[in-house]
Each structure stands twice: as C-alpha cells, then as structure tokens.
Amino acid sequence: MGAGLPLALLRGLATSRVIWAAVLGELLRTRHVVTVDLPGFGRSAAVGAEFELEPVAARIARGLAARGIAGPYDVVGHSLGGVA
C-alpha cells in the first residue's frame, strides 16, 4: 500500500496486522507499507519446529523480494516482530 520507500511492519505475538491501523494512514502518506505475518503466525507457515531468528529473518526477506520489494527498506517490529 502507498508509495515511496518500502517499510515492512512486523506484528507481535498476540496481535494481528490490525495492530498497525492507528499509524497506517500517516505512514502511507510517504511510504510503501507492507504488513507482514511472522512465519508460523497468522497466514504464514512455520519455518521449522522452533522460532529461530535467522531462518525467520531469511523467510521474511525472501517473502518481500517475491513481492517485488527490494532493498533497501526499513523494518519496524512490535513485540516479537521487533526481534525478527
């Protein structure tokens, strides 16, 4: 959504993409915003049996690239999304 430099928003553990609703309108004024489900949560399949940061980060980067979002881009995470 939006136009400008890409910004990926990663939600937290006990939330959904809706967590970003309060700030989304303002971000869309200047950025191309993508909301992301962490692997294993929401509509995204798990990377493995455990939540290991390197495979999770790699999956997120591949998913963004598959949707035509190439770096550089910024990432903002809430709660568990901040770890990934």
N, C-alpha and C. Protein backbone atom coordinates (compact mmCIF):
# COMPACT_ATOMS: atom_id res chain seq x y z
N MET A 1 0.84 -1.17 0.00
CA MET A 1 0.00 0.00 0.00
C MET A 1 0.89 1.23 0.00
N GLY A 2 0.43 2.28 -0.60
CA GLY A 2 1.15 3.54 -0.59
C GLY A 2 2.26 3.60 -1.61
N ALA A 3 3.02 4.67 -1.56
CA ALA A 3 4.14 4.87 -2.48
C ALA A 3 5.29 5.50 -1.71
N GLY A 4 6.48 5.25 -2.20
CA GLY A 4 7.68 5.76 -1.54
C GLY A 4 8.59 4.61 -1.17
N LEU A 5 9.55 4.89 -0.31
CA LEU A 5 10.47 3.85 0.14
C LEU A 5 9.69 2.77 0.89
N PRO A 6 10.04 1.50 0.67
CA PRO A 6 9.33 0.41 1.35
C PRO A 6 9.56 0.41 2.86
N LEU A 7 8.50 0.07 3.58
CA LEU A 7 8.52 -0.06 5.03
C LEU A 7 7.75 -1.32 5.38
N ALA A 8 8.42 -2.31 5.96
CA ALA A 8 7.78 -3.55 6.38
C ALA A 8 7.44 -3.45 7.86
N LEU A 9 6.17 -3.73 8.19
CA LEU A 9 5.70 -3.70 9.56
C LEU A 9 5.48 -5.14 10.03
N LEU A 10 6.18 -5.54 11.10
CA LEU A 10 6.08 -6.89 11.64
C LEU A 10 5.28 -6.85 12.94
N ARG A 11 4.23 -7.62 12.98
CA ARG A 11 3.34 -7.60 14.14
C ARG A 11 3.92 -8.41 15.29
N GLY A 12 3.34 -8.26 16.46
CA GLY A 12 3.77 -9.01 17.63
C GLY A 12 3.05 -10.33 17.75
N LEU A 13 3.37 -11.07 18.79
CA LEU A 13 2.87 -12.42 19.00
C LEU A 13 1.36 -12.50 19.19
N ALA A 14 0.81 -11.72 20.06
CA ALA A 14 -0.62 -11.84 20.38
C ALA A 14 -1.46 -10.81 19.63
N THR A 15 -1.01 -10.42 18.45
CA THR A 15 -1.71 -9.40 17.68
C THR A 15 -1.91 -9.88 16.25
N SER A 16 -2.48 -9.01 15.44
CA SER A 16 -2.61 -9.27 14.01
C SER A 16 -2.11 -8.03 13.28
N ARG A 17 -2.23 -8.05 11.97
CA ARG A 17 -1.83 -6.89 11.19
C ARG A 17 -2.61 -5.64 11.59
N VAL A 18 -3.75 -5.82 12.21
CA VAL A 18 -4.60 -4.71 12.62
C VAL A 18 -3.91 -3.82 13.66
N ILE A 19 -2.89 -4.33 14.32
CA ILE A 19 -2.17 -3.55 15.33
C ILE A 19 -1.63 -2.25 14.75
N TRP A 20 -1.40 -2.22 13.44
CA TRP A 20 -0.83 -1.05 12.79
C TRP A 20 -1.88 -0.05 12.32
N ALA A 21 -3.15 -0.33 12.51
CA ALA A 21 -4.23 0.51 11.98
C ALA A 21 -4.12 1.98 12.41
N ALA A 22 -3.73 2.22 13.64
CA ALA A 22 -3.69 3.59 14.16
C ALA A 22 -2.62 4.45 13.49
N VAL A 23 -1.57 3.84 12.96
CA VAL A 23 -0.49 4.62 12.35
C VAL A 23 -0.41 4.45 10.84
N LEU A 24 -1.16 3.52 10.30
CA LEU A 24 -1.07 3.19 8.89
C LEU A 24 -1.36 4.38 7.97
N GLY A 25 -2.40 5.13 8.24
CA GLY A 25 -2.75 6.27 7.41
C GLY A 25 -1.63 7.28 7.30
N GLU A 26 -1.00 7.58 8.40
CA GLU A 26 0.11 8.54 8.39
C GLU A 26 1.32 7.99 7.64
N LEU A 27 1.64 6.71 7.85
CA LEU A 27 2.78 6.10 7.16
C LEU A 27 2.57 6.06 5.65
N LEU A 28 1.33 5.83 5.23
CA LEU A 28 1.03 5.73 3.80
C LEU A 28 1.20 7.04 3.06
N ARG A 29 1.29 8.14 3.77
CA ARG A 29 1.49 9.44 3.12
C ARG A 29 2.85 9.52 2.43
N THR A 30 3.83 8.79 2.97
CA THR A 30 5.18 8.93 2.43
C THR A 30 5.89 7.60 2.15
N ARG A 31 5.25 6.48 2.47
CA ARG A 31 5.93 5.19 2.35
C ARG A 31 5.08 4.15 1.64
N HIS A 32 5.76 3.17 1.05
CA HIS A 32 5.11 1.96 0.52
C HIS A 32 5.12 0.97 1.68
N VAL A 33 3.98 0.75 2.31
CA VAL A 33 3.89 -0.03 3.55
C VAL A 33 3.41 -1.45 3.27
N VAL A 34 4.11 -2.40 3.88
CA VAL A 34 3.75 -3.82 3.79
C VAL A 34 3.61 -4.34 5.21
N THR A 35 2.47 -4.93 5.52
CA THR A 35 2.31 -5.58 6.82
C THR A 35 2.61 -7.06 6.64
N VAL A 36 3.34 -7.63 7.59
CA VAL A 36 3.86 -8.98 7.45
C VAL A 36 3.44 -9.84 8.63
N ASP A 37 2.99 -11.06 8.32
CA ASP A 37 2.79 -12.06 9.36
C ASP A 37 4.12 -12.76 9.59
N LEU A 38 4.53 -12.92 10.82
CA LEU A 38 5.75 -13.67 11.10
C LEU A 38 5.54 -15.14 10.75
N PRO A 39 6.58 -15.82 10.26
CA PRO A 39 6.44 -17.24 9.96
C PRO A 39 5.92 -18.02 11.16
N GLY A 40 4.89 -18.82 10.91
CA GLY A 40 4.27 -19.61 11.97
C GLY A 40 3.09 -18.93 12.64
N PHE A 41 2.77 -17.72 12.22
CA PHE A 41 1.67 -16.96 12.80
C PHE A 41 0.79 -16.41 11.70
N GLY A 42 -0.46 -16.13 12.01
CA GLY A 42 -1.38 -15.60 11.01
C GLY A 42 -1.54 -16.58 9.86
N ARG A 43 -1.34 -16.10 8.64
CA ARG A 43 -1.49 -16.93 7.45
C ARG A 43 -0.17 -17.52 6.96
N SER A 44 0.87 -17.39 7.73
CA SER A 44 2.21 -17.80 7.30
C SER A 44 2.61 -19.13 7.93
N ALA A 45 3.12 -20.03 7.09
CA ALA A 45 3.59 -21.33 7.59
C ALA A 45 4.86 -21.15 8.42
N ALA A 46 5.06 -22.04 9.37
CA ALA A 46 6.25 -22.01 10.21
C ALA A 46 7.50 -22.32 9.40
N VAL A 47 8.63 -21.81 9.86
CA VAL A 47 9.92 -22.10 9.23
C VAL A 47 10.42 -23.46 9.67
N GLY A 48 10.20 -23.80 10.93
CA GLY A 48 10.66 -25.06 11.50
C GLY A 48 9.94 -25.31 12.80
N ALA A 49 10.45 -26.24 13.57
CA ALA A 49 9.82 -26.62 14.83
C ALA A 49 9.91 -25.51 15.88
N GLU A 50 10.94 -24.67 15.79
CA GLU A 50 11.13 -23.60 16.75
C GLU A 50 11.21 -22.26 16.03
N PHE A 51 11.12 -21.19 16.78
CA PHE A 51 11.20 -19.84 16.23
C PHE A 51 12.66 -19.40 16.30
N GLU A 52 13.44 -19.76 15.28
CA GLU A 52 14.85 -19.39 15.21
C GLU A 52 14.99 -18.14 14.36
N LEU A 53 15.69 -17.15 14.89
CA LEU A 53 15.73 -15.83 14.27
C LEU A 53 16.29 -15.81 12.85
N GLU A 54 17.40 -16.47 12.59
CA GLU A 54 17.99 -16.40 11.25
C GLU A 54 17.07 -16.95 10.17
N PRO A 55 16.49 -18.16 10.35
CA PRO A 55 15.55 -18.64 9.32
C PRO A 55 14.30 -17.77 9.18
N VAL A 56 13.83 -17.23 10.29
CA VAL A 56 12.66 -16.35 10.25
C VAL A 56 12.98 -15.08 9.46
N ALA A 57 14.11 -14.44 9.75
CA ALA A 57 14.51 -13.23 9.04
C ALA A 57 14.72 -13.51 7.55
N ALA A 58 15.32 -14.65 7.24
CA ALA A 58 15.54 -15.01 5.83
C ALA A 58 14.21 -15.22 5.12
N ARG A 59 13.24 -15.86 5.78
CA ARG A 59 11.92 -16.08 5.17
C ARG A 59 11.24 -14.75 4.90
N ILE A 60 11.33 -13.83 5.85
CA ILE A 60 10.71 -12.52 5.66
C ILE A 60 11.35 -11.80 4.48
N ALA A 61 12.67 -11.81 4.40
CA ALA A 61 13.37 -11.15 3.29
C ALA A 61 12.99 -11.78 1.95
N ARG A 62 12.92 -13.12 1.89
CA ARG A 62 12.52 -13.79 0.65
C ARG A 62 11.08 -13.45 0.27
N GLY A 63 10.21 -13.38 1.26
CA GLY A 63 8.81 -13.05 1.00
C GLY A 63 8.65 -11.65 0.45
N LEU A 64 9.40 -10.71 1.00
CA LEU A 64 9.36 -9.34 0.49
C LEU A 64 9.89 -9.29 -0.93
N ALA A 65 11.01 -9.98 -1.18
CA ALA A 65 11.60 -9.99 -2.53
C ALA A 65 10.65 -10.62 -3.54
N ALA A 66 9.94 -11.68 -3.13
CA ALA A 66 8.99 -12.35 -4.03
C ALA A 66 7.83 -11.43 -4.41
N ARG A 67 7.57 -10.43 -3.60
CA ARG A 67 6.50 -9.48 -3.87
C ARG A 67 7.04 -8.20 -4.50
N GLY A 68 8.29 -8.26 -5.00
CA GLY A 68 8.87 -7.13 -5.71
C GLY A 68 9.43 -6.05 -4.83
N ILE A 69 9.60 -6.33 -3.54
CA ILE A 69 10.13 -5.32 -2.63
C ILE A 69 11.60 -5.63 -2.41
N ALA A 70 12.43 -4.82 -3.04
CA ALA A 70 13.87 -5.00 -2.94
C ALA A 70 14.45 -3.95 -2.01
N GLY A 71 15.57 -4.25 -1.41
CA GLY A 71 16.21 -3.32 -0.52
C GLY A 71 16.75 -2.12 -1.29
N PRO A 72 17.04 -1.07 -0.60
CA PRO A 72 16.91 -1.01 0.85
C PRO A 72 15.47 -0.74 1.28
N TYR A 73 15.11 -1.28 2.41
CA TYR A 73 13.81 -1.00 3.01
C TYR A 73 13.98 -0.97 4.51
N ASP A 74 13.05 -0.32 5.16
CA ASP A 74 13.06 -0.25 6.62
C ASP A 74 12.11 -1.28 7.18
N VAL A 75 12.40 -1.73 8.39
CA VAL A 75 11.56 -2.71 9.07
C VAL A 75 11.25 -2.16 10.46
N VAL A 76 9.97 -2.20 10.82
CA VAL A 76 9.53 -1.82 12.17
C VAL A 76 8.82 -3.01 12.76
N GLY A 77 9.21 -3.39 13.96
CA GLY A 77 8.57 -4.53 14.60
C GLY A 77 7.96 -4.17 15.93
N HIS A 78 6.87 -4.82 16.25
CA HIS A 78 6.18 -4.66 17.53
C HIS A 78 6.33 -5.96 18.30
N SER A 79 6.80 -5.92 19.53
CA SER A 79 6.91 -7.10 20.39
C SER A 79 7.78 -8.15 19.70
N LEU A 80 7.25 -9.35 19.46
CA LEU A 80 8.02 -10.41 18.82
C LEU A 80 8.49 -9.99 17.44
N GLY A 81 7.73 -9.16 16.75
CA GLY A 81 8.15 -8.66 15.44
C GLY A 81 9.40 -7.81 15.52
N GLY A 82 9.66 -7.22 16.67
CA GLY A 82 10.88 -6.44 16.85
C GLY A 82 12.13 -7.31 16.97
N VAL A 83 11.93 -8.54 17.38
CA VAL A 83 13.04 -9.49 17.49
C VAL A 83 13.43 -10.01 16.12
N ALA A 84 12.44 -10.27 15.27
CA ALA A 84 12.71 -10.84 13.95
C ALA A 84 13.40 -9.83 13.09
